[in-house]
Amino acid sequence: MSRICIHHVSGSGGQFLTTIIAKMLDIQITNRIDSTHGDYHRTDKGVWAHNDSKDDVCFMGNHWVSRTVPPKIYYTHRHDFVSKLQTMFNNITVIAIDADEDDFEHITTLFIKKGFPNLWTQQEYNKWVATGCNFPPYNISNLEHPDVFDIMHEQLNKDTINWHNTLDRKNVNHIINFKTIFGLDNSSLKDSLETILNKPVTDSIKQLIVEYQLLNKELYFNA
């Protein structure tokens, strides 16, 4: 298969999807589930790519990485990065996680609950306070404080909405719905991936999907 770009907004399950696709393509990847938060951000060392990296997966996120050796899979949140990759590689396959309007607040909640425990440093705290946020003194547990969570959610949800409003769906080869990623609709993530990649999902990968969906339902969707 051609190179792949996984495109999604923070909180919608992109690291999980990237890990599953990499495993289906027999690409070595160290991401694994965090049983506390239900995310796939546990990556060990060396996964977040640098210019000289030879990893087959390049997790760019919001920061462009000019790779000396192009990877097989790119991962990014930014629409302009997708367009740039499409000018670099004519046959790149873009897979986006899209969502319905009623998903936006859930996605933002998942971003805070799953992504921010890895991001919440004194420096990050200072950025929010500098914008005028009246937060209690810095602590790693700030994210559990209702005032902190509500203020962050209000602001970050604007970003979630804007991402979806500006997604150029005509520029995407395949779309997987947020609900499908988390097992919240009648569509099968396994079937979607088999169609996109034209490969069967092995029993071990199927088990990873079931594990991820069950854990996230228990943690965040009152299942």
N, C-alpha and C. Protein backbone atom coordinates (compact mmCIF):
# COMPACT_ATOMS: atom_id res chain seq x y z
N MET A 1 0.84 -1.20 0.00
CA MET A 1 0.00 0.00 0.00
C MET A 1 0.87 1.25 0.00
N SER A 2 0.36 2.36 -0.52
CA SER A 2 1.09 3.62 -0.52
C SER A 2 1.28 4.11 0.90
N ARG A 3 2.04 5.19 1.02
CA ARG A 3 2.18 5.82 2.32
C ARG A 3 0.81 6.24 2.85
N ILE A 4 0.71 6.30 4.16
CA ILE A 4 -0.57 6.60 4.80
C ILE A 4 -0.39 7.83 5.69
N CYS A 5 -1.42 8.66 5.72
CA CYS A 5 -1.48 9.77 6.66
C CYS A 5 -2.73 9.60 7.51
N ILE A 6 -2.54 9.51 8.82
CA ILE A 6 -3.65 9.47 9.76
C ILE A 6 -3.92 10.89 10.21
N HIS A 7 -5.13 11.36 9.99
CA HIS A 7 -5.47 12.75 10.26
C HIS A 7 -6.66 12.81 11.21
N HIS A 8 -6.48 13.50 12.33
CA HIS A 8 -7.57 13.54 13.31
C HIS A 8 -7.38 14.71 14.26
N VAL A 9 -8.44 15.07 14.95
CA VAL A 9 -8.35 16.10 15.98
C VAL A 9 -8.01 15.42 17.29
N SER A 10 -7.31 16.12 18.15
CA SER A 10 -6.90 15.56 19.45
C SER A 10 -8.12 15.10 20.23
N GLY A 11 -8.02 13.89 20.76
CA GLY A 11 -9.10 13.34 21.57
C GLY A 11 -9.98 12.34 20.85
N SER A 12 -9.74 12.14 19.54
CA SER A 12 -10.63 11.29 18.77
C SER A 12 -10.10 9.88 18.52
N GLY A 13 -8.98 9.53 19.13
CA GLY A 13 -8.48 8.16 19.03
C GLY A 13 -7.45 7.92 17.96
N GLY A 14 -6.74 8.94 17.54
CA GLY A 14 -5.80 8.81 16.44
C GLY A 14 -4.59 7.96 16.74
N GLN A 15 -4.08 8.04 17.97
CA GLN A 15 -2.91 7.21 18.30
C GLN A 15 -3.28 5.74 18.31
N PHE A 16 -4.48 5.45 18.80
CA PHE A 16 -4.96 4.07 18.76
C PHE A 16 -5.10 3.58 17.33
N LEU A 17 -5.76 4.38 16.48
CA LEU A 17 -5.96 3.99 15.09
C LEU A 17 -4.62 3.80 14.39
N THR A 18 -3.67 4.70 14.62
CA THR A 18 -2.35 4.59 14.02
C THR A 18 -1.66 3.30 14.44
N THR A 19 -1.76 2.96 15.71
CA THR A 19 -1.14 1.74 16.22
C THR A 19 -1.74 0.50 15.56
N ILE A 20 -3.07 0.48 15.46
CA ILE A 20 -3.74 -0.68 14.87
C ILE A 20 -3.36 -0.83 13.40
N ILE A 21 -3.35 0.28 12.66
CA ILE A 21 -2.99 0.22 11.25
C ILE A 21 -1.53 -0.22 11.08
N ALA A 22 -0.65 0.31 11.91
CA ALA A 22 0.76 -0.10 11.84
C ALA A 22 0.90 -1.60 12.08
N LYS A 23 0.21 -2.11 13.06
CA LYS A 23 0.28 -3.55 13.34
C LYS A 23 -0.28 -4.37 12.19
N MET A 24 -1.35 -3.88 11.55
CA MET A 24 -1.90 -4.59 10.40
C MET A 24 -0.91 -4.64 9.24
N LEU A 25 -0.05 -3.62 9.14
CA LEU A 25 0.94 -3.54 8.07
C LEU A 25 2.29 -4.10 8.49
N ASP A 26 2.31 -4.76 9.66
CA ASP A 26 3.54 -5.38 10.19
C ASP A 26 4.64 -4.36 10.41
N ILE A 27 4.24 -3.17 10.82
CA ILE A 27 5.20 -2.12 11.17
C ILE A 27 5.42 -2.15 12.69
N GLN A 28 6.67 -2.16 13.08
CA GLN A 28 6.99 -2.20 14.50
C GLN A 28 6.62 -0.87 15.15
N ILE A 29 5.86 -0.95 16.22
CA ILE A 29 5.43 0.25 16.93
C ILE A 29 5.29 -0.10 18.40
N THR A 30 5.70 0.83 19.28
CA THR A 30 5.74 0.51 20.70
C THR A 30 4.53 1.01 21.48
N ASN A 31 3.65 1.77 20.83
CA ASN A 31 2.48 2.29 21.54
C ASN A 31 1.66 1.16 22.14
N ARG A 32 1.19 1.37 23.35
CA ARG A 32 0.35 0.38 24.01
C ARG A 32 -0.65 1.10 24.90
N ILE A 33 -1.67 0.41 25.30
CA ILE A 33 -2.77 1.06 26.00
C ILE A 33 -2.38 1.41 27.43
N ASP A 34 -2.85 2.55 27.88
CA ASP A 34 -2.73 2.98 29.28
C ASP A 34 -4.04 2.64 29.96
N SER A 35 -4.00 1.69 30.87
CA SER A 35 -5.25 1.21 31.48
C SER A 35 -5.89 2.24 32.39
N THR A 36 -5.14 3.27 32.80
CA THR A 36 -5.70 4.31 33.67
C THR A 36 -6.57 5.28 32.88
N HIS A 37 -6.08 5.70 31.72
CA HIS A 37 -6.77 6.73 30.94
C HIS A 37 -7.38 6.19 29.64
N GLY A 38 -7.02 4.98 29.24
CA GLY A 38 -7.59 4.41 28.03
C GLY A 38 -6.99 4.92 26.74
N ASP A 39 -5.81 5.53 26.82
CA ASP A 39 -5.20 6.08 25.61
C ASP A 39 -4.07 5.18 25.12
N TYR A 40 -3.53 5.54 23.97
CA TYR A 40 -2.40 4.81 23.39
C TYR A 40 -1.17 5.71 23.32
N HIS A 41 -0.97 6.52 24.35
CA HIS A 41 0.15 7.46 24.36
C HIS A 41 1.40 6.88 25.01
N ARG A 42 1.33 5.66 25.51
CA ARG A 42 2.52 5.03 26.10
C ARG A 42 3.39 4.54 24.95
N THR A 43 4.49 5.26 24.72
CA THR A 43 5.27 5.03 23.50
C THR A 43 6.72 4.65 23.74
N ASP A 44 7.19 4.61 24.98
CA ASP A 44 8.60 4.39 25.24
C ASP A 44 9.42 5.49 24.57
N LYS A 45 10.70 5.24 24.34
CA LYS A 45 11.55 6.24 23.71
C LYS A 45 11.65 5.99 22.21
N GLY A 46 11.82 7.07 21.46
CA GLY A 46 12.15 6.94 20.06
C GLY A 46 11.00 6.94 19.09
N VAL A 47 9.77 7.02 19.56
CA VAL A 47 8.64 6.94 18.64
C VAL A 47 8.36 8.30 18.01
N TRP A 48 8.45 9.36 18.81
CA TRP A 48 8.20 10.69 18.24
C TRP A 48 9.41 11.07 17.39
N ALA A 49 9.17 11.17 16.10
CA ALA A 49 10.25 11.19 15.12
C ALA A 49 11.04 12.49 15.12
N HIS A 50 12.32 12.36 14.82
CA HIS A 50 13.20 13.50 14.56
C HIS A 50 13.65 13.41 13.10
N ASN A 51 14.39 14.43 12.65
CA ASN A 51 14.77 14.49 11.25
C ASN A 51 15.55 13.26 10.80
N ASP A 52 16.38 12.71 11.69
CA ASP A 52 17.24 11.60 11.30
C ASP A 52 16.63 10.25 11.68
N SER A 53 15.39 10.26 12.13
CA SER A 53 14.76 9.01 12.54
C SER A 53 14.48 8.12 11.33
N LYS A 54 14.58 6.82 11.57
CA LYS A 54 14.25 5.85 10.53
C LYS A 54 12.99 5.06 10.92
N ASP A 55 12.27 5.53 11.94
CA ASP A 55 11.03 4.86 12.32
C ASP A 55 10.05 4.88 11.16
N ASP A 56 9.26 3.82 11.05
CA ASP A 56 8.28 3.73 9.97
C ASP A 56 7.02 4.54 10.25
N VAL A 57 6.88 5.06 11.48
CA VAL A 57 5.74 5.91 11.83
C VAL A 57 6.28 7.25 12.30
N CYS A 58 5.77 8.32 11.72
CA CYS A 58 6.20 9.67 12.10
C CYS A 58 5.03 10.39 12.77
N PHE A 59 5.11 10.53 14.09
CA PHE A 59 4.07 11.23 14.85
C PHE A 59 4.38 12.72 14.85
N MET A 60 3.83 13.44 13.89
CA MET A 60 4.11 14.88 13.80
C MET A 60 3.18 15.69 14.69
N GLY A 61 1.95 15.24 14.87
CA GLY A 61 1.02 16.03 15.66
C GLY A 61 0.80 17.40 15.05
N ASN A 62 1.20 18.44 15.81
CA ASN A 62 1.06 19.82 15.34
C ASN A 62 2.38 20.43 14.91
N HIS A 63 3.44 19.62 14.84
CA HIS A 63 4.77 20.16 14.56
C HIS A 63 5.39 19.39 13.39
N TRP A 64 5.67 20.13 12.32
CA TRP A 64 6.19 19.50 11.11
C TRP A 64 7.57 18.89 11.36
N VAL A 65 7.78 17.71 10.79
CA VAL A 65 9.07 17.03 10.87
C VAL A 65 9.53 16.73 9.45
N SER A 66 10.70 17.25 9.08
CA SER A 66 11.26 16.96 7.75
C SER A 66 12.14 15.73 7.87
N ARG A 67 11.62 14.62 7.47
CA ARG A 67 12.32 13.35 7.63
C ARG A 67 13.32 13.11 6.51
N THR A 68 14.54 12.71 6.89
CA THR A 68 15.53 12.31 5.90
C THR A 68 15.10 11.03 5.20
N VAL A 69 14.57 10.10 5.98
CA VAL A 69 14.03 8.85 5.45
C VAL A 69 12.52 8.90 5.65
N PRO A 70 11.75 9.05 4.58
CA PRO A 70 10.28 9.15 4.73
C PRO A 70 9.71 7.89 5.38
N PRO A 71 8.79 8.05 6.32
CA PRO A 71 8.17 6.90 6.97
C PRO A 71 7.07 6.30 6.11
N LYS A 72 6.51 5.22 6.58
CA LYS A 72 5.38 4.60 5.90
C LYS A 72 4.06 5.22 6.35
N ILE A 73 4.03 5.71 7.59
CA ILE A 73 2.81 6.31 8.14
C ILE A 73 3.15 7.66 8.75
N TYR A 74 2.41 8.68 8.35
CA TYR A 74 2.45 9.99 9.00
C TYR A 74 1.20 10.15 9.86
N TYR A 75 1.36 10.89 10.94
CA TYR A 75 0.26 11.15 11.87
C TYR A 75 0.24 12.65 12.14
N THR A 76 -0.88 13.30 11.87
CA THR A 76 -0.92 14.74 12.11
C THR A 76 -2.33 15.22 12.42
N HIS A 77 -2.41 16.33 13.17
CA HIS A 77 -3.69 16.98 13.45
C HIS A 77 -3.99 18.08 12.43
N ARG A 78 -2.97 18.56 11.74
CA ARG A 78 -3.13 19.80 10.99
C ARG A 78 -3.52 19.57 9.54
N HIS A 79 -4.54 20.33 9.10
CA HIS A 79 -5.02 20.22 7.73
C HIS A 79 -3.93 20.63 6.72
N ASP A 80 -3.18 21.66 7.05
CA ASP A 80 -2.16 22.13 6.09
C ASP A 80 -1.04 21.11 5.94
N PHE A 81 -0.78 20.33 6.99
CA PHE A 81 0.24 19.29 6.87
C PHE A 81 -0.22 18.19 5.91
N VAL A 82 -1.51 17.88 5.95
CA VAL A 82 -2.05 16.89 5.03
C VAL A 82 -1.86 17.36 3.59
N SER A 83 -2.19 18.61 3.33
CA SER A 83 -2.02 19.16 1.98
C SER A 83 -0.56 19.12 1.55
N LYS A 84 0.33 19.43 2.48
CA LYS A 84 1.77 19.42 2.16
C LYS A 84 2.23 18.01 1.83
N LEU A 85 1.78 17.04 2.61
CA LEU A 85 2.16 15.65 2.35
C LEU A 85 1.64 15.19 0.99
N GLN A 86 0.46 15.67 0.61
CA GLN A 86 -0.11 15.27 -0.68
C GLN A 86 0.66 15.86 -1.86
N THR A 87 1.33 17.00 -1.62
CA THR A 87 2.20 17.53 -2.68
C THR A 87 3.53 16.79 -2.73
N MET A 88 3.94 16.23 -1.62
CA MET A 88 5.20 15.49 -1.55
C MET A 88 5.06 14.07 -2.10
N PHE A 89 3.91 13.45 -1.83
CA PHE A 89 3.70 12.06 -2.23
C PHE A 89 2.37 11.96 -2.98
N ASN A 90 2.43 11.74 -4.26
CA ASN A 90 1.21 11.74 -5.08
C ASN A 90 0.24 10.63 -4.69
N ASN A 91 0.77 9.53 -4.18
CA ASN A 91 -0.09 8.38 -3.92
C ASN A 91 -0.34 8.15 -2.43
N ILE A 92 -0.13 9.16 -1.60
CA ILE A 92 -0.37 8.99 -0.16
C ILE A 92 -1.87 8.81 0.09
N THR A 93 -2.20 7.90 0.99
CA THR A 93 -3.58 7.62 1.35
C THR A 93 -3.90 8.30 2.67
N VAL A 94 -4.88 9.20 2.66
CA VAL A 94 -5.26 9.95 3.85
C VAL A 94 -6.48 9.30 4.49
N ILE A 95 -6.33 8.93 5.75
CA ILE A 95 -7.42 8.35 6.53
C ILE A 95 -7.74 9.32 7.66
N ALA A 96 -8.94 9.84 7.67
CA ALA A 96 -9.33 10.83 8.68
C ALA A 96 -10.38 10.27 9.61
N ILE A 97 -10.32 10.69 10.87
CA ILE A 97 -11.38 10.40 11.84
C ILE A 97 -12.30 11.62 11.84
N ASP A 98 -13.52 11.42 11.41
CA ASP A 98 -14.51 12.49 11.39
C ASP A 98 -15.51 12.24 12.52
N ALA A 99 -16.36 13.22 12.79
CA ALA A 99 -17.29 13.10 13.90
C ALA A 99 -18.57 13.85 13.62
N ASP A 100 -19.62 13.47 14.33
CA ASP A 100 -20.89 14.18 14.27
C ASP A 100 -20.87 15.30 15.30
N GLU A 101 -21.76 16.25 15.12
CA GLU A 101 -21.78 17.41 16.01
C GLU A 101 -21.97 17.00 17.47
N ASP A 102 -22.74 15.96 17.71
CA ASP A 102 -22.98 15.55 19.09
C ASP A 102 -21.77 14.85 19.71
N ASP A 103 -20.71 14.64 18.93
CA ASP A 103 -19.48 14.03 19.44
C ASP A 103 -18.47 15.06 19.94
N PHE A 104 -18.63 16.32 19.52
CA PHE A 104 -17.56 17.29 19.74
C PHE A 104 -17.20 17.44 21.22
N GLU A 105 -18.19 17.58 22.07
CA GLU A 105 -17.89 17.76 23.49
C GLU A 105 -17.23 16.51 24.08
N HIS A 106 -17.64 15.34 23.61
CA HIS A 106 -17.00 14.10 24.07
C HIS A 106 -15.53 14.07 23.66
N ILE A 107 -15.26 14.46 22.42
CA ILE A 107 -13.88 14.46 21.93
C ILE A 107 -13.02 15.40 22.76
N THR A 108 -13.53 16.58 23.06
CA THR A 108 -12.77 17.53 23.86
C THR A 108 -12.53 16.99 25.27
N THR A 109 -13.53 16.35 25.84
CA THR A 109 -13.35 15.73 27.16
C THR A 109 -12.26 14.67 27.11
N LEU A 110 -12.26 13.85 26.08
CA LEU A 110 -11.24 12.82 25.95
C LEU A 110 -9.86 13.42 25.77
N PHE A 111 -9.77 14.53 25.05
CA PHE A 111 -8.48 15.21 24.89
C PHE A 111 -7.93 15.61 26.25
N ILE A 112 -8.77 16.18 27.09
CA ILE A 112 -8.31 16.61 28.42
C ILE A 112 -7.99 15.41 29.30
N LYS A 113 -8.88 14.44 29.31
CA LYS A 113 -8.74 13.29 30.21
C LYS A 113 -7.60 12.36 29.81
N LYS A 114 -7.37 12.24 28.49
CA LYS A 114 -6.41 11.26 28.01
C LYS A 114 -5.10 11.89 27.53
N GLY A 115 -5.20 13.06 26.90
CA GLY A 115 -4.01 13.69 26.35
C GLY A 115 -3.27 14.58 27.34
N PHE A 116 -4.02 15.35 28.11
CA PHE A 116 -3.39 16.36 28.95
C PHE A 116 -2.62 15.81 30.15
N PRO A 117 -2.92 14.62 30.67
CA PRO A 117 -2.04 14.09 31.72
C PRO A 117 -0.59 13.99 31.28
N ASN A 118 -0.35 13.85 29.97
CA ASN A 118 1.01 13.81 29.45
C ASN A 118 1.56 15.21 29.15
N LEU A 119 0.68 16.20 29.12
CA LEU A 119 1.07 17.55 28.72
C LEU A 119 1.09 18.54 29.88
N TRP A 120 0.46 18.18 31.00
CA TRP A 120 0.22 19.14 32.07
C TRP A 120 1.48 19.37 32.91
N THR A 121 2.30 20.28 32.46
CA THR A 121 3.52 20.68 33.16
C THR A 121 3.33 22.08 33.73
N GLN A 122 4.29 22.52 34.51
CA GLN A 122 4.25 23.89 35.01
C GLN A 122 4.23 24.88 33.85
N GLN A 123 4.97 24.58 32.80
CA GLN A 123 5.01 25.47 31.64
C GLN A 123 3.64 25.55 30.97
N GLU A 124 2.97 24.41 30.80
CA GLU A 124 1.65 24.41 30.19
C GLU A 124 0.66 25.16 31.07
N TYR A 125 0.75 24.93 32.37
CA TYR A 125 -0.11 25.64 33.33
C TYR A 125 0.09 27.15 33.19
N ASN A 126 1.35 27.56 33.09
CA ASN A 126 1.65 29.00 33.00
C ASN A 126 1.05 29.62 31.75
N LYS A 127 1.00 28.86 30.65
CA LYS A 127 0.41 29.37 29.42
C LYS A 127 -1.06 29.71 29.63
N TRP A 128 -1.78 28.84 30.31
CA TRP A 128 -3.20 29.07 30.55
C TRP A 128 -3.41 30.24 31.51
N VAL A 129 -2.61 30.30 32.56
CA VAL A 129 -2.74 31.40 33.52
C VAL A 129 -2.43 32.74 32.86
N ALA A 130 -1.47 32.74 31.92
CA ALA A 130 -1.09 33.97 31.24
C ALA A 130 -2.23 34.52 30.39
N THR A 131 -3.18 33.66 30.01
CA THR A 131 -4.33 34.13 29.23
C THR A 131 -5.43 34.70 30.11
N GLY A 132 -5.20 34.65 31.44
CA GLY A 132 -6.19 35.20 32.37
C GLY A 132 -6.98 34.17 33.15
N CYS A 133 -6.64 32.89 32.99
CA CYS A 133 -7.35 31.83 33.72
C CYS A 133 -7.01 31.89 35.21
N ASN A 134 -8.02 31.87 36.03
CA ASN A 134 -7.83 31.94 37.48
C ASN A 134 -7.80 30.52 38.03
N PHE A 135 -6.66 29.85 37.84
CA PHE A 135 -6.50 28.48 38.28
C PHE A 135 -5.90 28.42 39.68
N PRO A 136 -6.19 27.36 40.43
CA PRO A 136 -5.48 27.15 41.71
C PRO A 136 -4.00 26.90 41.44
N PRO A 137 -3.15 26.95 42.45
CA PRO A 137 -1.71 26.74 42.24
C PRO A 137 -1.44 25.43 41.49
N TYR A 138 -0.35 25.43 40.72
CA TYR A 138 -0.06 24.28 39.88
C TYR A 138 0.07 23.00 40.69
N ASN A 139 -0.58 21.97 40.13
CA ASN A 139 -0.46 20.62 40.67
C ASN A 139 -0.83 19.67 39.54
N ILE A 140 -0.24 18.50 39.53
CA ILE A 140 -0.55 17.55 38.48
C ILE A 140 -2.02 17.17 38.48
N SER A 141 -2.68 17.36 39.64
CA SER A 141 -4.10 17.01 39.75
C SER A 141 -5.02 18.16 39.37
N ASN A 142 -4.47 19.28 38.87
CA ASN A 142 -5.31 20.42 38.46
C ASN A 142 -6.42 20.01 37.50
N LEU A 143 -6.12 19.05 36.64
CA LEU A 143 -7.08 18.67 35.60
C LEU A 143 -8.36 18.08 36.18
N GLU A 144 -8.30 17.63 37.42
CA GLU A 144 -9.49 17.08 38.07
C GLU A 144 -10.32 18.17 38.74
N HIS A 145 -9.78 19.36 38.85
CA HIS A 145 -10.49 20.47 39.50
C HIS A 145 -11.60 20.96 38.56
N PRO A 146 -12.84 21.02 39.00
CA PRO A 146 -13.94 21.40 38.10
C PRO A 146 -13.74 22.73 37.40
N ASP A 147 -13.22 23.73 38.13
CA ASP A 147 -13.03 25.04 37.50
C ASP A 147 -12.00 24.98 36.38
N VAL A 148 -10.93 24.24 36.62
CA VAL A 148 -9.88 24.10 35.61
C VAL A 148 -10.43 23.34 34.40
N PHE A 149 -11.07 22.23 34.67
CA PHE A 149 -11.61 21.41 33.57
C PHE A 149 -12.61 22.20 32.74
N ASP A 150 -13.53 22.90 33.39
CA ASP A 150 -14.59 23.60 32.66
C ASP A 150 -14.03 24.70 31.77
N ILE A 151 -13.06 25.45 32.29
CA ILE A 151 -12.45 26.53 31.51
C ILE A 151 -11.70 25.96 30.31
N MET A 152 -10.92 24.91 30.55
CA MET A 152 -10.16 24.29 29.46
C MET A 152 -11.10 23.69 28.42
N HIS A 153 -12.15 23.06 28.88
CA HIS A 153 -13.08 22.41 27.95
C HIS A 153 -13.77 23.45 27.07
N GLU A 154 -14.16 24.56 27.66
CA GLU A 154 -14.83 25.60 26.88
C GLU A 154 -13.94 26.10 25.75
N GLN A 155 -12.65 26.32 26.07
CA GLN A 155 -11.74 26.84 25.06
C GLN A 155 -11.37 25.78 24.03
N LEU A 156 -11.00 24.59 24.51
CA LEU A 156 -10.54 23.54 23.60
C LEU A 156 -11.66 23.03 22.70
N ASN A 157 -12.90 23.11 23.19
CA ASN A 157 -14.01 22.65 22.36
C ASN A 157 -14.19 23.54 21.13
N LYS A 158 -13.81 24.80 21.25
CA LYS A 158 -13.84 25.69 20.08
C LYS A 158 -12.88 25.17 19.01
N ASP A 159 -11.72 24.68 19.47
CA ASP A 159 -10.74 24.12 18.53
C ASP A 159 -11.28 22.84 17.88
N THR A 160 -11.95 22.01 18.68
CA THR A 160 -12.54 20.78 18.15
C THR A 160 -13.56 21.09 17.07
N ILE A 161 -14.43 22.06 17.36
CA ILE A 161 -15.46 22.44 16.39
C ILE A 161 -14.82 23.01 15.12
N ASN A 162 -13.84 23.88 15.29
CA ASN A 162 -13.19 24.50 14.14
C ASN A 162 -12.48 23.46 13.28
N TRP A 163 -11.85 22.48 13.90
CA TRP A 163 -11.16 21.44 13.14
C TRP A 163 -12.14 20.74 12.21
N HIS A 164 -13.29 20.37 12.72
CA HIS A 164 -14.27 19.66 11.91
C HIS A 164 -14.90 20.57 10.86
N ASN A 165 -15.10 21.83 11.21
CA ASN A 165 -15.69 22.77 10.25
C ASN A 165 -14.76 23.07 9.09
N THR A 166 -13.47 22.92 9.30
CA THR A 166 -12.49 23.26 8.26
C THR A 166 -11.87 22.02 7.60
N LEU A 167 -12.29 20.82 8.02
CA LEU A 167 -11.79 19.60 7.39
C LEU A 167 -12.28 19.52 5.95
N ASP A 168 -11.35 19.40 5.01
CA ASP A 168 -11.70 19.26 3.60
C ASP A 168 -11.92 17.78 3.31
N ARG A 169 -13.14 17.34 3.42
CA ARG A 169 -13.44 15.91 3.26
C ARG A 169 -13.20 15.42 1.84
N LYS A 170 -13.23 16.32 0.88
CA LYS A 170 -12.93 15.93 -0.50
C LYS A 170 -11.45 15.60 -0.67
N ASN A 171 -10.65 16.02 0.29
CA ASN A 171 -9.20 15.82 0.23
C ASN A 171 -8.77 14.58 1.00
N VAL A 172 -9.74 13.77 1.41
CA VAL A 172 -9.49 12.59 2.24
C VAL A 172 -9.91 11.35 1.47
N ASN A 173 -9.10 10.31 1.54
CA ASN A 173 -9.41 9.06 0.84
C ASN A 173 -10.42 8.20 1.59
N HIS A 174 -10.26 8.13 2.90
CA HIS A 174 -11.14 7.28 3.71
C HIS A 174 -11.48 8.01 5.01
N ILE A 175 -12.74 7.91 5.42
CA ILE A 175 -13.18 8.50 6.68
C ILE A 175 -13.71 7.40 7.58
N ILE A 176 -13.26 7.43 8.84
CA ILE A 176 -13.79 6.55 9.87
C ILE A 176 -14.43 7.43 10.93
N ASN A 177 -15.64 7.12 11.30
CA ASN A 177 -16.35 7.95 12.26
C ASN A 177 -15.83 7.74 13.68
N PHE A 178 -15.82 8.81 14.45
CA PHE A 178 -15.41 8.76 15.86
C PHE A 178 -16.16 7.66 16.62
N LYS A 179 -17.44 7.57 16.39
CA LYS A 179 -18.24 6.56 17.09
C LYS A 179 -17.77 5.14 16.74
N THR A 180 -17.35 4.94 15.50
CA THR A 180 -16.86 3.63 15.08
C THR A 180 -15.55 3.30 15.77
N ILE A 181 -14.68 4.29 15.92
CA ILE A 181 -13.41 4.08 16.62
C ILE A 181 -13.67 3.54 18.02
N PHE A 182 -14.67 4.10 18.69
CA PHE A 182 -14.92 3.76 20.09
C PHE A 182 -16.02 2.72 20.28
N GLY A 183 -16.51 2.16 19.17
CA GLY A 183 -17.53 1.13 19.27
C GLY A 183 -18.87 1.63 19.75
N LEU A 184 -19.21 2.86 19.34
CA LEU A 184 -20.43 3.51 19.82
C LEU A 184 -21.55 3.53 18.78
N ASP A 185 -21.29 2.93 17.62
CA ASP A 185 -22.35 2.85 16.61
C ASP A 185 -22.43 1.42 16.10
N ASN A 186 -23.20 1.21 15.06
CA ASN A 186 -23.40 -0.14 14.54
C ASN A 186 -22.37 -0.53 13.48
N SER A 187 -21.43 0.36 13.22
CA SER A 187 -20.38 0.05 12.25
C SER A 187 -19.24 -0.69 12.94
N SER A 188 -18.54 -1.49 12.17
CA SER A 188 -17.44 -2.29 12.70
C SER A 188 -16.11 -1.67 12.31
N LEU A 189 -15.29 -1.31 13.29
CA LEU A 189 -13.96 -0.79 13.00
C LEU A 189 -13.13 -1.86 12.29
N LYS A 190 -13.27 -3.10 12.72
CA LYS A 190 -12.55 -4.20 12.07
C LYS A 190 -12.90 -4.25 10.59
N ASP A 191 -14.17 -4.21 10.25
CA ASP A 191 -14.58 -4.28 8.85
C ASP A 191 -14.08 -3.08 8.06
N SER A 192 -14.13 -1.90 8.68
CA SER A 192 -13.67 -0.69 8.00
C SER A 192 -12.18 -0.79 7.66
N LEU A 193 -11.40 -1.28 8.60
CA LEU A 193 -9.95 -1.38 8.38
C LEU A 193 -9.63 -2.44 7.33
N GLU A 194 -10.35 -3.53 7.36
CA GLU A 194 -10.12 -4.57 6.36
C GLU A 194 -10.42 -4.06 4.95
N THR A 195 -11.46 -3.23 4.83
CA THR A 195 -11.81 -2.66 3.53
C THR A 195 -10.75 -1.67 3.07
N ILE A 196 -10.33 -0.79 3.98
CA ILE A 196 -9.36 0.25 3.62
C ILE A 196 -8.00 -0.35 3.25
N LEU A 197 -7.53 -1.29 4.06
CA LEU A 197 -6.18 -1.84 3.87
C LEU A 197 -6.17 -3.09 3.00
N ASN A 198 -7.36 -3.62 2.71
CA ASN A 198 -7.46 -4.84 1.92
C ASN A 198 -6.65 -5.98 2.54
N LYS A 199 -6.76 -6.06 3.86
CA LYS A 199 -6.07 -7.10 4.62
C LYS A 199 -6.98 -7.55 5.75
N PRO A 200 -6.89 -8.80 6.15
CA PRO A 200 -7.71 -9.25 7.28
C PRO A 200 -7.14 -8.74 8.60
N VAL A 201 -8.02 -8.51 9.56
CA VAL A 201 -7.62 -8.17 10.91
C VAL A 201 -7.38 -9.48 11.66
N THR A 202 -6.20 -9.65 12.19
CA THR A 202 -5.88 -10.88 12.90
C THR A 202 -6.61 -10.93 14.24
N ASP A 203 -6.67 -12.11 14.82
CA ASP A 203 -7.34 -12.27 16.11
C ASP A 203 -6.69 -11.41 17.19
N SER A 204 -5.36 -11.30 17.16
CA SER A 204 -4.67 -10.52 18.19
C SER A 204 -4.99 -9.03 18.06
N ILE A 205 -5.10 -8.54 16.83
CA ILE A 205 -5.45 -7.13 16.62
C ILE A 205 -6.92 -6.91 16.96
N LYS A 206 -7.76 -7.85 16.60
CA LYS A 206 -9.17 -7.75 16.97
C LYS A 206 -9.32 -7.64 18.48
N GLN A 207 -8.50 -8.37 19.22
CA GLN A 207 -8.57 -8.31 20.67
C GLN A 207 -8.15 -6.94 21.19
N LEU A 208 -7.16 -6.31 20.55
CA LEU A 208 -6.75 -4.96 20.93
C LEU A 208 -7.89 -3.97 20.72
N ILE A 209 -8.62 -4.13 19.62
CA ILE A 209 -9.77 -3.25 19.35
C ILE A 209 -10.83 -3.42 20.42
N VAL A 210 -11.16 -4.68 20.72
CA VAL A 210 -12.18 -4.96 21.74
C VAL A 210 -11.75 -4.40 23.09
N GLU A 211 -10.50 -4.59 23.44
CA GLU A 211 -9.98 -4.11 24.73
C GLU A 211 -10.09 -2.59 24.83
N TYR A 212 -9.69 -1.90 23.76
CA TYR A 212 -9.71 -0.44 23.74
C TYR A 212 -11.13 0.09 23.86
N GLN A 213 -12.03 -0.47 23.07
CA GLN A 213 -13.41 0.01 23.08
C GLN A 213 -14.10 -0.26 24.40
N LEU A 214 -13.89 -1.43 24.97
CA LEU A 214 -14.52 -1.75 26.26
C LEU A 214 -14.01 -0.85 27.36
N LEU A 215 -12.69 -0.65 27.41
CA LEU A 215 -12.11 0.19 28.47
C LEU A 215 -12.61 1.62 28.36
N ASN A 216 -12.64 2.17 27.15
CA ASN A 216 -13.07 3.55 26.99
C ASN A 216 -14.56 3.73 27.27
N LYS A 217 -15.36 2.73 26.94
CA LYS A 217 -16.77 2.78 27.29
C LYS A 217 -16.94 2.81 28.80
N GLU A 218 -16.16 2.01 29.50
CA GLU A 218 -16.24 1.96 30.96
C GLU A 218 -15.78 3.28 31.59
N LEU A 219 -14.73 3.87 31.03
CA LEU A 219 -14.16 5.08 31.61
C LEU A 219 -14.95 6.34 31.28
N TYR A 220 -15.49 6.41 30.05
CA TYR A 220 -16.00 7.70 29.58
C TYR A 220 -17.44 7.69 29.05
N PHE A 221 -17.99 6.54 28.80
CA PHE A 221 -19.31 6.51 28.16
C PHE A 221 -20.34 5.74 28.96
N ASN A 222 -20.08 5.58 30.25
CA ASN A 222 -21.06 4.99 31.19
C ASN A 222 -21.57 3.64 30.74
N ALA A 223 -20.67 2.85 30.14
CA ALA A 223 -21.09 1.51 29.68
C ALA A 223 -20.98 0.52 30.82
